[in-house]
Amino acid sequence: MVIGTEMHTDLGDWIKQRLHCGVQEQGKLAQDHIEDCGIEVNELESQWASQKESQLLIRSHKSFSKVMC
């Protein structure tokens, strides 16, 4: 029983460490891709904001259409 509890605790620590390392690695890869594309971050953020706004307008229009039908 004690071994099972210890393994359970160690597994939680192992999962936390793997998630932390995975997030850092993905962040580094994403940063590398952004730098390689040659577009400034503020331009990408602006495009992303425009895309989100467009998608929200489409969703609200669809919701409004459902209410009206």
PDB file of N, CA and C in Angstrom:
ATOM      1  N   MET A   1       0.814  -1.188   0.000  1.00  0.00           N
ATOM      2  CA  MET A   1       0.000   0.000   0.000  1.00  0.00           C
ATOM      3  C   MET A   1       0.866   1.263   0.000  1.00  0.00           C
ATOM      4  N   VAL A   2       1.950   1.259   0.764  1.00  0.00           N
ATOM      5  CA  VAL A   2       2.836   2.413   0.837  1.00  0.00           C
ATOM      6  C   VAL A   2       3.509   2.632  -0.512  1.00  0.00           C
ATOM      7  N   ILE A   3       3.913   1.568  -1.160  1.00  0.00           N
ATOM      8  CA  ILE A   3       4.559   1.691  -2.470  1.00  0.00           C
ATOM      9  C   ILE A   3       3.584   2.298  -3.471  1.00  0.00           C
ATOM     10  N   GLY A   4       2.330   1.870  -3.436  1.00  0.00           N
ATOM     11  CA  GLY A   4       1.326   2.403  -4.344  1.00  0.00           C
ATOM     12  C   GLY A   4       1.118   3.900  -4.146  1.00  0.00           C
ATOM     13  N   THR A   5       1.089   4.344  -2.907  1.00  0.00           N
ATOM     14  CA  THR A   5       0.922   5.768  -2.608  1.00  0.00           C
ATOM     15  C   THR A   5       2.130   6.564  -3.092  1.00  0.00           C
ATOM     16  N   GLU A   6       3.321   6.022  -2.868  1.00  0.00           N
ATOM     17  CA  GLU A   6       4.539   6.701  -3.317  1.00  0.00           C
ATOM     18  C   GLU A   6       4.572   6.800  -4.846  1.00  0.00           C
ATOM     19  N   MET A   7       4.197   5.733  -5.514  1.00  0.00           N
ATOM     20  CA  MET A   7       4.177   5.742  -6.978  1.00  0.00           C
ATOM     21  C   MET A   7       3.142   6.734  -7.490  1.00  0.00           C
ATOM     22  N   HIS A   8       2.013   6.816  -6.799  1.00  0.00           N
ATOM     23  CA  HIS A   8       0.956   7.757  -7.182  1.00  0.00           C
ATOM     24  C   HIS A   8       1.464   9.195  -7.081  1.00  0.00           C
ATOM     25  N   THR A   9       2.150   9.506  -5.995  1.00  0.00           N
ATOM     26  CA  THR A   9       2.715  10.841  -5.801  1.00  0.00           C
ATOM     27  C   THR A   9       3.777  11.129  -6.859  1.00  0.00           C
ATOM     28  N   ASP A  10       4.663  10.166  -7.100  1.00  0.00           N
ATOM     29  CA  ASP A  10       5.716  10.336  -8.097  1.00  0.00           C
ATOM     30  C   ASP A  10       5.130  10.518  -9.497  1.00  0.00           C
ATOM     31  N   LEU A  11       4.056   9.824  -9.787  1.00  0.00           N
ATOM     32  CA  LEU A  11       3.424   9.947 -11.098  1.00  0.00           C
ATOM     33  C   LEU A  11       2.898  11.360 -11.316  1.00  0.00           C
ATOM     34  N   GLY A  12       2.317  11.950 -10.278  1.00  0.00           N
ATOM     35  CA  GLY A  12       1.839  13.322 -10.382  1.00  0.00           C
ATOM     36  C   GLY A  12       2.973  14.290 -10.680  1.00  0.00           C
ATOM     37  N   ASP A  13       4.100  14.100  -9.985  1.00  0.00           N
ATOM     38  CA  ASP A  13       5.270  14.950 -10.234  1.00  0.00           C
ATOM     39  C   ASP A  13       5.795  14.743 -11.647  1.00  0.00           C
ATOM     40  N   TRP A  14       5.821  13.492 -12.093  1.00  0.00           N
ATOM     41  CA  TRP A  14       6.312  13.178 -13.434  1.00  0.00           C
ATOM     42  C   TRP A  14       5.422  13.840 -14.498  1.00  0.00           C
ATOM     43  N   ILE A  15       4.109  13.756 -14.315  1.00  0.00           N
ATOM     44  CA  ILE A  15       3.175  14.369 -15.274  1.00  0.00           C
ATOM     45  C   ILE A  15       3.360  15.877 -15.309  1.00  0.00           C
ATOM     46  N   LYS A  16       3.481  16.508 -14.153  1.00  0.00           N
ATOM     47  CA  LYS A  16       3.703  17.959 -14.101  1.00  0.00           C
ATOM     48  C   LYS A  16       4.974  18.341 -14.861  1.00  0.00           C
ATOM     49  N   GLN A  17       6.049  17.588 -14.643  1.00  0.00           N
ATOM     50  CA  GLN A  17       7.320  17.874 -15.303  1.00  0.00           C
ATOM     51  C   GLN A  17       7.199  17.711 -16.813  1.00  0.00           C
ATOM     52  N   ARG A  18       6.538  16.645 -17.258  1.00  0.00           N
ATOM     53  CA  ARG A  18       6.373  16.403 -18.694  1.00  0.00           C
ATOM     54  C   ARG A  18       5.536  17.503 -19.338  1.00  0.00           C
ATOM     55  N   LEU A  19       4.469  17.924 -18.671  1.00  0.00           N
ATOM     56  CA  LEU A  19       3.635  18.999 -19.213  1.00  0.00           C
ATOM     57  C   LEU A  19       4.428  20.301 -19.294  1.00  0.00           C
ATOM     58  N   HIS A  20       5.183  20.599 -18.249  1.00  0.00           N
ATOM     59  CA  HIS A  20       5.982  21.831 -18.219  1.00  0.00           C
ATOM     60  C   HIS A  20       6.993  21.839 -19.361  1.00  0.00           C
ATOM     61  N   CYS A  21       7.706  20.740 -19.527  1.00  0.00           N
ATOM     62  CA  CYS A  21       8.711  20.657 -20.604  1.00  0.00           C
ATOM     63  C   CYS A  21       8.049  20.704 -21.967  1.00  0.00           C
ATOM     64  N   GLY A  22       6.916  20.051 -22.118  1.00  0.00           N
ATOM     65  CA  GLY A  22       6.206  20.036 -23.399  1.00  0.00           C
ATOM     66  C   GLY A  22       5.726  21.421 -23.800  1.00  0.00           C
ATOM     67  N   VAL A  23       5.223  22.172 -22.842  1.00  0.00           N
ATOM     68  CA  VAL A  23       4.741  23.526 -23.111  1.00  0.00           C
ATOM     69  C   VAL A  23       5.906  24.424 -23.522  1.00  0.00           C
ATOM     70  N   GLN A  24       7.019  24.308 -22.821  1.00  0.00           N
ATOM     71  CA  GLN A  24       8.186  25.115 -23.170  1.00  0.00           C
ATOM     72  C   GLN A  24       8.687  24.771 -24.573  1.00  0.00           C
ATOM     73  N   GLU A  25       8.725  23.488 -24.893  1.00  0.00           N
ATOM     74  CA  GLU A  25       9.199  23.056 -26.208  1.00  0.00           C
ATOM     75  C   GLU A  25       8.267  23.555 -27.309  1.00  0.00           C
ATOM     76  N   GLN A  26       6.963  23.447 -27.091  1.00  0.00           N
ATOM     77  CA  GLN A  26       6.004  23.937 -28.086  1.00  0.00           C
ATOM     78  C   GLN A  26       6.106  25.438 -28.256  1.00  0.00           C
ATOM     79  N   GLY A  27       6.317  26.151 -27.149  1.00  0.00           N
ATOM     80  CA  GLY A  27       6.473  27.601 -27.216  1.00  0.00           C
ATOM     81  C   GLY A  27       7.699  27.993 -28.018  1.00  0.00           C
ATOM     82  N   LYS A  28       8.794  27.275 -27.819  1.00  0.00           N
ATOM     83  CA  LYS A  28      10.034  27.541 -28.559  1.00  0.00           C
ATOM     84  C   LYS A  28       9.823  27.283 -30.047  1.00  0.00           C
ATOM     85  N   LEU A  29       9.180  26.176 -30.388  1.00  0.00           N
ATOM     86  CA  LEU A  29       8.910  25.869 -31.796  1.00  0.00           C
ATOM     87  C   LEU A  29       8.016  26.918 -32.433  1.00  0.00           C
ATOM     88  N   ALA A  30       6.993  27.350 -31.707  1.00  0.00           N
ATOM     89  CA  ALA A  30       6.090  28.382 -32.225  1.00  0.00           C
ATOM     90  C   ALA A  30       6.841  29.684 -32.450  1.00  0.00           C
ATOM     91  N   GLN A  31       7.683  30.060 -31.496  1.00  0.00           N
ATOM     92  CA  GLN A  31       8.471  31.286 -31.634  1.00  0.00           C
ATOM     93  C   GLN A  31       9.398  31.199 -32.842  1.00  0.00           C
ATOM     94  N   ASP A  32      10.007  30.045 -33.045  1.00  0.00           N
ATOM     95  CA  ASP A  32      10.886  29.846 -34.210  1.00  0.00           C
ATOM     96  C   ASP A  32      10.108  30.015 -35.513  1.00  0.00           C
ATOM     97  N   HIS A  33       8.907  29.458 -35.576  1.00  0.00           N
ATOM     98  CA  HIS A  33       8.077  29.580 -36.789  1.00  0.00           C
ATOM     99  C   HIS A  33       7.690  31.036 -37.040  1.00  0.00           C
ATOM    100  N   ILE A  34       7.352  31.736 -35.988  1.00  0.00           N
ATOM    101  CA  ILE A  34       6.978  33.150 -36.136  1.00  0.00           C
ATOM    102  C   ILE A  34       8.163  33.952 -36.674  1.00  0.00           C
ATOM    103  N   GLU A  35       9.328  33.696 -36.124  1.00  0.00           N
ATOM    104  CA  GLU A  35      10.520  34.415 -36.582  1.00  0.00           C
ATOM    105  C   GLU A  35      10.863  34.062 -38.028  1.00  0.00           C
ATOM    106  N   ASP A  36      10.647  32.795 -38.416  1.00  0.00           N
ATOM    107  CA  ASP A  36      10.955  32.353 -39.779  1.00  0.00           C
ATOM    108  C   ASP A  36      10.002  32.921 -40.822  1.00  0.00           C
ATOM    109  N   CYS A  37       8.786  33.246 -40.439  1.00  0.00           N
ATOM    110  CA  CYS A  37       7.804  33.695 -41.429  1.00  0.00           C
ATOM    111  C   CYS A  37       8.064  35.118 -41.912  1.00  0.00           C
ATOM    112  N   GLY A  38       8.817  35.892 -41.156  1.00  0.00           N
ATOM    113  CA  GLY A  38       9.187  37.228 -41.592  1.00  0.00           C
ATOM    114  C   GLY A  38       8.111  38.288 -41.419  1.00  0.00           C
ATOM    115  N   ILE A  39       7.053  37.974 -40.685  1.00  0.00           N
ATOM    116  CA  ILE A  39       5.985  38.936 -40.431  1.00  0.00           C
ATOM    117  C   ILE A  39       6.093  39.363 -38.968  1.00  0.00           C
ATOM    118  N   GLU A  40       5.961  40.650 -38.729  1.00  0.00           N
ATOM    119  CA  GLU A  40       6.066  41.171 -37.366  1.00  0.00           C
ATOM    120  C   GLU A  40       4.931  40.631 -36.490  1.00  0.00           C
ATOM    121  N   VAL A  41       5.223  40.429 -35.224  1.00  0.00           N
ATOM    122  CA  VAL A  41       4.247  39.887 -34.274  1.00  0.00           C
ATOM    123  C   VAL A  41       3.020  40.791 -34.175  1.00  0.00           C
ATOM    124  N   ASN A  42       3.216  42.111 -34.181  1.00  0.00           N
ATOM    125  CA  ASN A  42       2.057  43.000 -34.067  1.00  0.00           C
ATOM    126  C   ASN A  42       1.137  42.870 -35.280  1.00  0.00           C
ATOM    127  N   GLU A  43       1.682  42.582 -36.459  1.00  0.00           N
ATOM    128  CA  GLU A  43       0.851  42.354 -37.644  1.00  0.00           C
ATOM    129  C   GLU A  43       0.057  41.056 -37.506  1.00  0.00           C
ATOM    130  N   LEU A  44       0.703  40.013 -37.010  1.00  0.00           N
ATOM    131  CA  LEU A  44       0.009  38.737 -36.795  1.00  0.00           C
ATOM    132  C   LEU A  44      -1.097  38.892 -35.745  1.00  0.00           C
ATOM    133  N   GLU A  45      -0.827  39.642 -34.684  1.00  0.00           N
ATOM    134  CA  GLU A  45      -1.839  39.876 -33.654  1.00  0.00           C
ATOM    135  C   GLU A  45      -3.022  40.646 -34.214  1.00  0.00           C
ATOM    136  N   SER A  46      -2.742  41.604 -35.083  1.00  0.00           N
ATOM    137  CA  SER A  46      -3.810  42.383 -35.709  1.00  0.00           C
ATOM    138  C   SER A  46      -4.677  41.496 -36.598  1.00  0.00           C
ATOM    139  N   GLN A  47      -4.039  40.642 -37.381  1.00  0.00           N
ATOM    140  CA  GLN A  47      -4.791  39.726 -38.244  1.00  0.00           C
ATOM    141  C   GLN A  47      -5.621  38.756 -37.421  1.00  0.00           C
ATOM    142  N   TRP A  48      -5.063  38.275 -36.322  1.00  0.00           N
ATOM    143  CA  TRP A  48      -5.771  37.346 -35.455  1.00  0.00           C
ATOM    144  C   TRP A  48      -6.999  38.024 -34.842  1.00  0.00           C
ATOM    145  N   ALA A  49      -6.834  39.262 -34.396  1.00  0.00           N
ATOM    146  CA  ALA A  49      -7.960  40.005 -33.826  1.00  0.00           C
ATOM    147  C   ALA A  49      -9.066  40.191 -34.857  1.00  0.00           C
ATOM    148  N   SER A  50      -8.694  40.509 -36.090  1.00  0.00           N
ATOM    149  CA  SER A  50      -9.689  40.674 -37.153  1.00  0.00           C
ATOM    150  C   SER A  50     -10.419  39.372 -37.432  1.00  0.00           C
ATOM    151  N   GLN A  51      -9.679  38.269 -37.435  1.00  0.00           N
ATOM    152  CA  GLN A  51     -10.294  36.971 -37.680  1.00  0.00           C
ATOM    153  C   GLN A  51     -11.278  36.616 -36.565  1.00  0.00           C
ATOM    154  N   LYS A  52     -10.886  36.849 -35.307  1.00  0.00           N
ATOM    155  CA  LYS A  52     -11.789  36.550 -34.186  1.00  0.00           C
ATOM    156  C   LYS A  52     -13.057  37.393 -34.284  1.00  0.00           C
ATOM    157  N   GLU A  53     -12.898  38.662 -34.625  1.00  0.00           N
ATOM    158  CA  GLU A  53     -14.054  39.550 -34.743  1.00  0.00           C
ATOM    159  C   GLU A  53     -15.000  39.054 -35.842  1.00  0.00           C
ATOM    160  N   SER A  54     -14.435  38.651 -36.979  1.00  0.00           N
ATOM    161  CA  SER A  54     -15.258  38.142 -38.077  1.00  0.00           C
ATOM    162  C   SER A  54     -16.010  36.886 -37.664  1.00  0.00           C
ATOM    163  N   GLN A  55     -15.325  35.991 -36.967  1.00  0.00           N
ATOM    164  CA  GLN A  55     -15.964  34.751 -36.539  1.00  0.00           C
ATOM    165  C   GLN A  55     -17.073  35.019 -35.530  1.00  0.00           C
ATOM    166  N   LEU A  56     -16.857  35.969 -34.643  1.00  0.00           N
ATOM    167  CA  LEU A  56     -17.895  36.302 -33.666  1.00  0.00           C
ATOM    168  C   LEU A  56     -19.118  36.898 -34.359  1.00  0.00           C
ATOM    169  N   LEU A  57     -18.899  37.722 -35.389  1.00  0.00           N
ATOM    170  CA  LEU A  57     -20.017  38.291 -36.136  1.00  0.00           C
ATOM    171  C   LEU A  57     -20.812  37.198 -36.844  1.00  0.00           C
ATOM    172  N   ILE A  58     -20.112  36.234 -37.408  1.00  0.00           N
ATOM    173  CA  ILE A  58     -20.789  35.123 -38.098  1.00  0.00           C
ATOM    174  C   ILE A  58     -21.611  34.325 -37.095  1.00  0.00           C
ATOM    175  N   ARG A  59     -21.032  34.031 -35.938  1.00  0.00           N
ATOM    176  CA  ARG A  59     -21.756  33.270 -34.912  1.00  0.00           C
ATOM    177  C   ARG A  59     -22.987  34.027 -34.427  1.00  0.00           C
ATOM    178  N   SER A  60     -22.834  35.327 -34.190  1.00  0.00           N
ATOM    179  CA  SER A  60     -23.971  36.089 -33.695  1.00  0.00           C
ATOM    180  C   SER A  60     -25.058  36.171 -34.759  1.00  0.00           C
ATOM    181  N   HIS A  61     -24.665  36.255 -36.023  1.00  0.00           N
ATOM    182  CA  HIS A  61     -25.646  36.287 -37.107  1.00  0.00           C
ATOM    183  C   HIS A  61     -26.399  34.964 -37.178  1.00  0.00           C
ATOM    184  N   LYS A  62     -25.669  33.837 -37.043  1.00  0.00           N
ATOM    185  CA  LYS A  62     -26.331  32.528 -37.076  1.00  0.00           C
ATOM    186  C   LYS A  62     -27.287  32.379 -35.888  1.00  0.00           C
ATOM    187  N   SER A  63     -26.857  32.829 -34.704  1.00  0.00           N
ATOM    188  CA  SER A  63     -27.718  32.747 -33.521  1.00  0.00           C
ATOM    189  C   SER A  63     -28.961  33.592 -33.716  1.00  0.00           C
ATOM    190  N   PHE A  64     -28.801  34.787 -34.272  1.00  0.00           N
ATOM    191  CA  PHE A  64     -29.927  35.671 -34.524  1.00  0.00           C
ATOM    192  C   PHE A  64     -30.878  35.040 -35.541  1.00  0.00           C
ATOM    193  N   SER A  65     -30.325  34.412 -36.573  1.00  0.00           N
ATOM    194  CA  SER A  65     -31.159  33.770 -37.596  1.00  0.00           C
ATOM    195  C   SER A  65     -31.986  32.650 -37.004  1.00  0.00           C
ATOM    196  N   LYS A  66     -31.418  31.871 -36.068  1.00  0.00           N
ATOM    197  CA  LYS A  66     -32.146  30.779 -35.433  1.00  0.00           C
ATOM    198  C   LYS A  66     -33.312  31.331 -34.621  1.00  0.00           C
ATOM    199  N   VAL A  67     -33.105  32.436 -33.937  1.00  0.00           N
ATOM    200  CA  VAL A  67     -34.155  33.036 -33.110  1.00  0.00           C
ATOM    201  C   VAL A  67     -35.295  33.530 -33.993  1.00  0.00           C
ATOM    202  N   MET A  68     -34.956  34.098 -35.132  1.00  0.00           N
ATOM    203  CA  MET A  68     -35.966  34.686 -36.015  1.00  0.00           C
ATOM    204  C   MET A  68     -36.778  33.636 -36.769  1.00  0.00           C
ATOM    205  N   CYS A  69     -36.256  32.417 -36.932  1.00  0.00           N
ATOM    206  CA  CYS A  69     -36.963  31.381 -37.700  1.00  0.00           C
ATOM    207  C   CYS A  69     -38.017  30.682 -36.909  1.00  0.00           C
TER     208      CYS A  69
END
